[in-house]
């Protein structure tokens, strides 16, 4: 590809400017996230077993908790019922 040809590649007016909105939006999102996390941690607003959106927790920690609960049920002579919903497809 020859940038010196008359196809418009050498014209600065043909290039769109780079916007900083996405960077600013990410910075604002990070600030809001930190504020909300500090607030929820300070006032103990999240359930002890909440795994999503918490530092040090993941889907693996949630699965370990569920499997542990299911395996304890027979020891307590109880019934276990697990309902799983996929809300993303709804």
N, C-alpha and C. Protein backbone atom coordinates (compact mmCIF):
# COMPACT_ATOMS: atom_id res chain seq x y z
N UNK A 1 0.85 -1.17 0.00
CA UNK A 1 0.00 0.00 0.00
C UNK A 1 0.89 1.24 0.00
N UNK A 2 0.64 2.11 -0.90
CA UNK A 2 1.44 3.33 -1.03
C UNK A 2 0.69 4.49 -0.40
N UNK A 3 1.26 5.06 0.68
CA UNK A 3 0.59 6.16 1.37
C UNK A 3 0.81 7.50 0.68
N UNK A 4 1.64 7.54 -0.33
CA UNK A 4 1.89 8.78 -1.05
C UNK A 4 0.98 8.93 -2.26
N UNK A 5 0.12 7.98 -2.50
CA UNK A 5 -0.78 8.07 -3.64
C UNK A 5 -1.93 9.01 -3.33
N UNK A 6 -2.76 9.25 -4.28
CA UNK A 6 -3.88 10.18 -4.11
C UNK A 6 -5.14 9.50 -3.58
N UNK A 7 -4.99 8.43 -2.81
CA UNK A 7 -6.15 7.73 -2.28
C UNK A 7 -6.67 8.35 -0.99
N UNK A 8 -6.01 9.37 -0.49
CA UNK A 8 -6.50 10.05 0.70
C UNK A 8 -5.80 9.67 1.97
N UNK A 9 -4.86 8.73 1.91
CA UNK A 9 -4.16 8.31 3.11
C UNK A 9 -3.24 9.38 3.66
N UNK A 10 -2.80 10.28 2.83
CA UNK A 10 -1.88 11.31 3.30
C UNK A 10 -2.61 12.54 3.83
N UNK A 11 -3.93 12.61 3.66
CA UNK A 11 -4.72 13.74 4.14
C UNK A 11 -5.05 13.54 5.62
N UNK A 12 -4.61 14.48 6.46
CA UNK A 12 -4.89 14.37 7.90
C UNK A 12 -6.38 14.50 8.20
N UNK A 13 -7.12 15.18 7.35
CA UNK A 13 -8.56 15.35 7.57
C UNK A 13 -9.34 14.05 7.40
N UNK A 14 -8.74 13.06 6.78
CA UNK A 14 -9.41 11.78 6.58
C UNK A 14 -9.33 10.86 7.79
N UNK A 15 -8.56 11.22 8.80
CA UNK A 15 -8.40 10.38 9.98
C UNK A 15 -9.25 10.93 11.12
N UNK A 16 -9.94 10.03 11.80
CA UNK A 16 -10.77 10.44 12.93
C UNK A 16 -9.90 10.60 14.16
N UNK A 17 -10.19 11.58 15.01
CA UNK A 17 -9.39 11.77 16.22
C UNK A 17 -9.65 10.66 17.24
N UNK A 18 -8.67 10.39 18.04
CA UNK A 18 -8.82 9.41 19.12
C UNK A 18 -9.51 10.10 20.28
N UNK A 19 -10.54 9.46 20.81
CA UNK A 19 -11.29 10.06 21.91
C UNK A 19 -10.79 9.52 23.24
N UNK A 20 -10.86 10.32 24.25
CA UNK A 20 -10.45 9.91 25.60
C UNK A 20 -11.64 9.53 26.46
N UNK A 21 -12.82 9.47 25.90
CA UNK A 21 -14.01 9.18 26.68
C UNK A 21 -13.92 7.80 27.30
N UNK A 22 -13.45 6.81 26.57
CA UNK A 22 -13.39 5.46 27.12
C UNK A 22 -12.41 5.39 28.29
N UNK A 23 -11.32 6.12 28.20
CA UNK A 23 -10.36 6.14 29.30
C UNK A 23 -10.97 6.83 30.52
N UNK A 24 -11.63 7.95 30.29
CA UNK A 24 -12.27 8.66 31.40
C UNK A 24 -13.38 7.82 32.03
N UNK A 25 -14.13 7.11 31.19
CA UNK A 25 -15.21 6.26 31.70
C UNK A 25 -14.63 5.13 32.55
N UNK A 26 -13.52 4.56 32.13
CA UNK A 26 -12.90 3.48 32.91
C UNK A 26 -12.37 4.00 34.24
N UNK A 27 -11.78 5.19 34.23
CA UNK A 27 -11.29 5.78 35.48
C UNK A 27 -12.44 6.07 36.44
N UNK A 28 -13.52 6.63 35.92
CA UNK A 28 -14.69 6.91 36.76
C UNK A 28 -15.29 5.62 37.30
N UNK A 29 -15.37 4.60 36.45
CA UNK A 29 -15.90 3.31 36.89
C UNK A 29 -15.04 2.72 38.01
N UNK A 30 -13.73 2.82 37.89
CA UNK A 30 -12.83 2.31 38.91
C UNK A 30 -13.01 3.06 40.23
N UNK A 31 -13.15 4.39 40.15
CA UNK A 31 -13.35 5.20 41.36
C UNK A 31 -14.66 4.84 42.05
N UNK A 32 -15.73 4.71 41.28
CA UNK A 32 -17.03 4.35 41.85
C UNK A 32 -16.97 2.95 42.46
N UNK A 33 -16.32 2.03 41.76
CA UNK A 33 -16.19 0.66 42.27
C UNK A 33 -15.45 0.64 43.62
N UNK A 34 -14.35 1.38 43.72
CA UNK A 34 -13.60 1.42 44.97
C UNK A 34 -14.42 2.02 46.10
N UNK A 35 -15.15 3.09 45.80
CA UNK A 35 -15.99 3.73 46.82
C UNK A 35 -17.09 2.78 47.30
N UNK A 36 -17.75 2.10 46.36
CA UNK A 36 -18.81 1.16 46.73
C UNK A 36 -18.27 -0.02 47.53
N UNK A 37 -17.10 -0.51 47.13
CA UNK A 37 -16.52 -1.64 47.86
C UNK A 37 -16.15 -1.25 49.28
N UNK A 38 -15.53 -0.07 49.44
CA UNK A 38 -15.18 0.41 50.78
C UNK A 38 -16.43 0.58 51.64
N UNK A 39 -17.46 1.16 51.04
CA UNK A 39 -18.71 1.40 51.78
C UNK A 39 -19.36 0.07 52.20
N UNK A 40 -19.45 -0.87 51.26
CA UNK A 40 -20.08 -2.15 51.58
C UNK A 40 -19.25 -2.96 52.58
N UNK A 41 -17.94 -2.87 52.52
CA UNK A 41 -17.09 -3.56 53.49
C UNK A 41 -17.20 -2.92 54.88
N UNK A 42 -17.23 -1.59 54.92
CA UNK A 42 -17.29 -0.87 56.20
C UNK A 42 -18.60 -1.14 56.94
N UNK A 43 -19.71 -1.19 56.20
CA UNK A 43 -21.02 -1.39 56.83
C UNK A 43 -21.50 -2.83 56.74
N UNK A 44 -20.64 -3.77 56.33
CA UNK A 44 -20.99 -5.19 56.24
C UNK A 44 -22.28 -5.42 55.45
N UNK A 45 -22.39 -4.82 54.28
CA UNK A 45 -23.62 -4.90 53.50
C UNK A 45 -23.74 -6.19 52.69
N UNK A 46 -22.61 -6.81 52.37
CA UNK A 46 -22.65 -8.03 51.58
C UNK A 46 -22.75 -9.26 52.47
N UNK A 47 -23.48 -10.24 52.00
CA UNK A 47 -23.60 -11.50 52.71
C UNK A 47 -22.23 -12.17 52.83
N UNK A 48 -22.04 -12.92 53.87
CA UNK A 48 -20.77 -13.60 54.11
C UNK A 48 -20.40 -14.52 52.95
N UNK A 49 -21.40 -15.11 52.32
CA UNK A 49 -21.15 -16.08 51.26
C UNK A 49 -21.22 -15.46 49.86
N UNK A 50 -21.31 -14.15 49.77
CA UNK A 50 -21.31 -13.48 48.47
C UNK A 50 -19.94 -13.64 47.82
N UNK A 51 -19.90 -14.21 46.62
CA UNK A 51 -18.63 -14.43 45.94
C UNK A 51 -18.41 -13.47 44.78
N UNK A 52 -19.47 -13.03 44.15
CA UNK A 52 -19.33 -12.16 43.00
C UNK A 52 -18.94 -10.75 43.38
N UNK A 53 -18.06 -10.16 42.60
CA UNK A 53 -17.64 -8.77 42.75
C UNK A 53 -16.93 -8.51 44.08
N UNK A 54 -16.27 -9.51 44.62
CA UNK A 54 -15.51 -9.34 45.85
C UNK A 54 -14.08 -9.80 45.63
N UNK A 55 -13.16 -9.04 46.19
CA UNK A 55 -11.76 -9.39 46.06
C UNK A 55 -11.46 -10.65 46.87
N UNK A 56 -10.74 -11.57 46.26
CA UNK A 56 -10.38 -12.81 46.94
C UNK A 56 -11.41 -13.91 46.79
N UNK A 57 -12.52 -13.64 46.11
CA UNK A 57 -13.56 -14.62 45.88
C UNK A 57 -13.74 -14.80 44.38
N UNK A 58 -14.27 -15.95 44.00
CA UNK A 58 -14.48 -16.22 42.59
C UNK A 58 -15.60 -17.23 42.43
N UNK A 59 -15.84 -17.64 41.19
CA UNK A 59 -16.83 -18.68 40.96
C UNK A 59 -16.38 -20.00 41.59
N UNK A 60 -15.07 -20.19 41.70
CA UNK A 60 -14.55 -21.40 42.34
C UNK A 60 -14.92 -21.43 43.82
N UNK A 61 -14.78 -20.31 44.50
CA UNK A 61 -15.13 -20.28 45.92
C UNK A 61 -16.64 -20.49 46.11
N UNK A 62 -17.45 -19.98 45.18
CA UNK A 62 -18.89 -20.22 45.26
C UNK A 62 -19.21 -21.70 45.05
N UNK A 63 -18.54 -22.33 44.08
CA UNK A 63 -18.77 -23.75 43.83
C UNK A 63 -18.32 -24.62 45.00
N UNK A 64 -17.20 -24.26 45.62
CA UNK A 64 -16.73 -25.01 46.79
C UNK A 64 -17.76 -24.94 47.90
N UNK A 65 -18.35 -23.78 48.11
CA UNK A 65 -19.37 -23.61 49.15
C UNK A 65 -20.60 -24.45 48.84
N UNK A 66 -21.04 -24.44 47.57
CA UNK A 66 -22.22 -25.22 47.19
C UNK A 66 -21.97 -26.71 47.35
N UNK A 67 -20.82 -27.19 46.89
CA UNK A 67 -20.49 -28.62 47.01
C UNK A 67 -20.40 -29.01 48.48
N UNK A 68 -19.81 -28.15 49.29
CA UNK A 68 -19.71 -28.43 50.73
C UNK A 68 -21.10 -28.54 51.35
N UNK A 69 -21.99 -27.62 51.00
CA UNK A 69 -23.36 -27.67 51.52
C UNK A 69 -24.07 -28.95 51.09
N UNK A 70 -23.90 -29.34 49.83
CA UNK A 70 -24.56 -30.54 49.32
C UNK A 70 -24.02 -31.79 50.01
N UNK A 71 -22.71 -31.82 50.26
CA UNK A 71 -22.12 -33.01 50.90
C UNK A 71 -22.47 -33.11 52.38
N UNK A 72 -22.83 -32.01 53.03
CA UNK A 72 -23.21 -32.05 54.44
C UNK A 72 -24.65 -32.48 54.67
N UNK A 73 -25.48 -32.40 53.65
CA UNK A 73 -26.90 -32.70 53.79
C UNK A 73 -27.16 -34.12 54.29
N UNK A 74 -26.53 -35.16 53.72
CA UNK A 74 -26.81 -36.52 54.22
C UNK A 74 -26.45 -36.70 55.70
N UNK A 75 -25.44 -36.01 56.18
CA UNK A 75 -25.07 -36.12 57.59
C UNK A 75 -26.14 -35.56 58.51
N UNK A 76 -26.94 -34.63 58.00
CA UNK A 76 -27.98 -33.99 58.82
C UNK A 76 -29.36 -34.60 58.56
N UNK A 77 -29.41 -35.68 57.79
CA UNK A 77 -30.67 -36.33 57.41
C UNK A 77 -31.67 -35.31 56.86
N UNK A 78 -31.19 -34.48 55.97
CA UNK A 78 -32.01 -33.43 55.37
C UNK A 78 -32.16 -33.67 53.88
N UNK A 79 -32.99 -32.87 53.25
CA UNK A 79 -33.21 -32.92 51.82
C UNK A 79 -32.50 -31.73 51.18
N UNK A 80 -31.89 -31.96 50.05
CA UNK A 80 -31.17 -30.88 49.35
C UNK A 80 -31.82 -30.66 48.00
N UNK A 81 -32.08 -29.39 47.69
CA UNK A 81 -32.66 -29.01 46.41
C UNK A 81 -31.83 -27.86 45.86
N UNK A 82 -31.35 -28.03 44.64
CA UNK A 82 -30.55 -26.99 44.00
C UNK A 82 -31.25 -26.54 42.74
N UNK A 83 -31.51 -25.25 42.67
CA UNK A 83 -32.14 -24.66 41.48
C UNK A 83 -31.13 -23.72 40.87
N UNK A 84 -30.82 -23.94 39.61
CA UNK A 84 -29.85 -23.11 38.91
C UNK A 84 -30.54 -22.41 37.76
N UNK A 85 -30.41 -21.08 37.71
CA UNK A 85 -31.05 -20.28 36.67
C UNK A 85 -29.99 -19.60 35.83
N UNK A 86 -30.20 -19.59 34.53
CA UNK A 86 -29.32 -18.86 33.63
C UNK A 86 -30.05 -17.60 33.20
N UNK A 87 -29.82 -16.51 33.93
CA UNK A 87 -30.55 -15.27 33.66
C UNK A 87 -29.99 -14.52 32.47
N UNK A 88 -28.79 -14.88 32.03
CA UNK A 88 -28.20 -14.21 30.89
C UNK A 88 -29.01 -14.46 29.61
N UNK A 89 -29.55 -15.65 29.48
CA UNK A 89 -30.31 -16.00 28.29
C UNK A 89 -31.75 -15.52 28.38
N UNK A 90 -32.18 -15.04 29.53
CA UNK A 90 -33.59 -14.63 29.71
C UNK A 90 -33.89 -13.35 28.97
